[in-house]
Amino acid sequence: MASYSARLEIDGQHYPVVLCSYGFTQATDARGRISERVRHGLLELVLDVPAGDQLLVWAATPHYPLDGQVSFFQATDLMASETVSFKAGQCIGYQEVFEAGADIVGSYRCSLTIAAAQLELTAGGVAGGSAQLAGVGIMD
């Protein structure tokens, strides 16, 4: 199994990602038939707390939409193997956790919850013009 890393890019800054979670759902009726369009949920990220305060400012500022992306890389490849990009993302949750005496790297971490008008999953990097796998419009 290949080893991966991930990076959040937002507002011209790059942040290494420790954990990333997102999902897409599609409702069905009582017979199991699709009854609604595909919808995306929230983008959840865990990072080592960065040196600057850009993410904290984003979280603390109401109505501050930013575009960004999370790119996933194989350890042996410099090109992204998958990218999750978001449009008009708002940081609706920010939490910092510190664990004294932790034997692992990254004992001071932050969690971000991002709600976005659009979440798009593409193979490869978005700058490379890769094929779209799933694009979903406004979340409601």
Protein backbone atom coordinates (compact mmCIF):
# COMPACT_ATOMS: atom_id res chain seq x y z
CA MET A 1 0.00 0.00 0.00
CA ALA A 2 1.39 3.39 -1.00
CA SER A 3 2.18 6.09 1.52
CA TYR A 4 0.39 9.42 1.05
CA SER A 5 0.65 12.98 2.25
CA ALA A 6 -1.82 15.84 1.90
CA ARG A 7 -1.62 19.61 1.75
CA LEU A 8 -4.23 22.34 2.26
CA GLU A 9 -3.80 25.37 0.01
CA ILE A 10 -5.83 28.43 0.90
CA ASP A 11 -5.33 32.14 0.38
CA GLY A 12 -1.84 31.54 -1.05
CA GLN A 13 -0.64 29.55 1.99
CA HIS A 14 0.17 25.83 2.22
CA TYR A 15 -0.46 23.69 5.31
CA PRO A 16 0.46 20.00 5.76
CA VAL A 17 -2.66 17.95 6.55
CA VAL A 18 -2.66 15.24 9.22
CA LEU A 19 -6.26 14.06 8.67
CA CYS A 20 -8.93 14.88 6.07
CA SER A 21 -12.55 13.73 5.93
CA TYR A 22 -15.31 14.55 3.44
CA GLY A 23 -18.21 12.76 1.83
CA PHE A 24 -20.93 12.76 -0.80
CA THR A 25 -24.44 11.36 -0.32
CA GLN A 26 -27.49 10.72 -2.46
CA ALA A 27 -30.93 10.10 -0.97
CA THR A 28 -33.06 7.13 -2.02
CA ASP A 29 -36.77 6.36 -1.75
CA ALA A 30 -38.35 3.37 0.02
CA ARG A 31 -37.51 1.11 -2.95
CA GLY A 32 -33.86 2.10 -3.04
CA ARG A 33 -34.15 4.32 -6.11
CA ILE A 34 -32.28 7.59 -6.22
CA SER A 35 -34.63 10.41 -5.24
CA GLU A 36 -32.37 13.46 -4.92
CA ARG A 37 -29.23 14.90 -6.44
CA VAL A 38 -25.79 14.22 -5.03
CA ARG A 39 -24.91 16.45 -2.08
CA HIS A 40 -21.66 17.02 -0.28
CA GLY A 41 -21.12 17.43 3.42
CA LEU A 42 -18.54 19.30 5.44
CA LEU A 43 -14.80 19.17 4.89
CA GLU A 44 -13.05 18.22 8.15
CA LEU A 45 -9.29 18.75 8.52
CA VAL A 46 -6.68 18.25 11.23
CA LEU A 47 -3.36 20.09 10.96
CA ASP A 48 -0.39 20.82 13.14
CA VAL A 49 -1.04 24.34 14.47
CA PRO A 50 0.66 26.68 11.96
CA ALA A 51 3.03 29.45 13.01
CA GLY A 52 0.85 32.24 11.60
CA ASP A 53 -2.68 33.18 12.56
CA GLN A 54 -4.28 33.14 9.08
CA LEU A 55 -6.51 30.14 9.81
CA LEU A 56 -7.59 31.51 13.18
CA VAL A 57 -8.48 34.85 11.56
CA TRP A 58 -10.49 33.00 8.90
CA ALA A 59 -12.39 31.10 11.59
CA ALA A 60 -13.04 34.20 13.70
CA THR A 61 -14.27 36.41 10.84
CA PRO A 62 -17.97 36.04 9.95
CA HIS A 63 -18.87 35.79 6.27
CA TYR A 64 -15.27 35.37 5.06
CA PRO A 65 -15.50 32.94 2.10
CA LEU A 66 -12.26 31.64 0.62
CA ASP A 67 -11.48 29.23 -2.21
CA GLY A 68 -9.01 26.44 -1.56
CA GLN A 69 -8.03 22.85 -2.13
CA VAL A 70 -6.65 19.78 -0.43
CA SER A 71 -4.23 17.81 -2.61
CA PHE A 72 -3.17 14.23 -1.93
CA PHE A 73 0.28 13.04 -2.99
CA GLN A 74 1.89 9.60 -3.14
CA ALA A 75 5.25 9.59 -1.38
CA THR A 76 7.04 8.77 -4.64
CA ASP A 77 5.25 11.36 -6.80
CA LEU A 78 5.40 15.16 -6.94
CA MET A 79 2.08 15.44 -8.80
CA ALA A 80 -1.19 15.29 -6.87
CA SER A 81 -3.03 12.00 -7.32
CA GLU A 82 -6.32 13.53 -6.17
CA THR A 83 -7.56 17.01 -5.29
CA VAL A 84 -10.61 18.19 -3.36
CA SER A 85 -11.27 21.83 -4.19
CA PHE A 86 -13.85 24.12 -2.63
CA LYS A 87 -15.42 27.42 -3.64
CA ALA A 88 -16.57 30.08 -1.17
CA GLY A 89 -15.51 27.96 1.80
CA GLN A 90 -16.29 29.28 5.26
CA CYS A 91 -14.46 28.05 8.35
CA ILE A 92 -17.39 27.21 10.61
CA GLY A 93 -15.35 25.37 13.23
CA TYR A 94 -11.85 25.78 14.66
CA GLN A 95 -10.41 23.98 17.66
CA GLU A 96 -6.88 23.65 19.01
CA VAL A 97 -5.74 20.71 21.11
CA PHE A 98 -2.47 20.43 23.00
CA GLU A 99 -1.31 17.21 24.63
CA ALA A 100 1.68 17.63 26.96
CA GLY A 101 4.18 14.81 26.97
CA ALA A 102 2.83 13.28 23.81
CA ASP A 103 5.37 10.88 22.34
CA ILE A 104 4.14 11.54 18.83
CA VAL A 105 5.04 14.37 16.50
CA GLY A 106 2.33 16.99 16.41
CA SER A 107 1.14 17.25 20.00
CA TYR A 108 -0.30 20.73 19.21
CA ARG A 109 -2.96 20.39 16.53
CA CYS A 110 -5.94 22.26 15.17
CA SER A 111 -9.17 20.99 13.67
CA LEU A 112 -10.98 22.92 10.93
CA THR A 113 -14.54 22.43 9.72
CA ILE A 114 -15.23 23.99 6.33
CA ALA A 115 -18.66 24.49 4.76
CA ALA A 116 -18.48 25.32 1.07
CA ALA A 117 -20.91 26.30 -1.65
CA GLN A 118 -19.13 23.88 -3.99
CA LEU A 119 -16.94 20.85 -3.34
CA GLU A 120 -15.28 19.13 -6.29
CA LEU A 121 -13.21 15.96 -6.43
CA THR A 122 -10.75 15.62 -9.31
CA ALA A 123 -8.11 13.08 -10.25
CA GLY A 124 -4.70 14.73 -10.15
CA GLY A 125 -4.08 18.41 -9.51
CA VAL A 126 -6.69 20.96 -10.52
CA ALA A 127 -4.04 23.11 -12.21
CA GLY A 128 -3.20 20.23 -14.51
CA GLY A 129 -6.66 20.20 -16.05
CA SER A 130 -7.47 16.71 -14.85
CA ALA A 131 -10.81 15.02 -15.42
CA GLN A 132 -13.63 15.78 -13.04
CA LEU A 133 -14.85 12.78 -11.03
CA ALA A 134 -17.67 14.39 -9.08
CA GLY A 135 -18.73 17.99 -8.81
CA VAL A 136 -21.50 19.05 -6.51
CA GLY A 137 -23.25 22.40 -6.39
CA ILE A 138 -24.53 24.40 -3.47
CA MET A 139 -24.81 22.57 -0.16
CA ASP A 140 -28.14 22.89 1.63
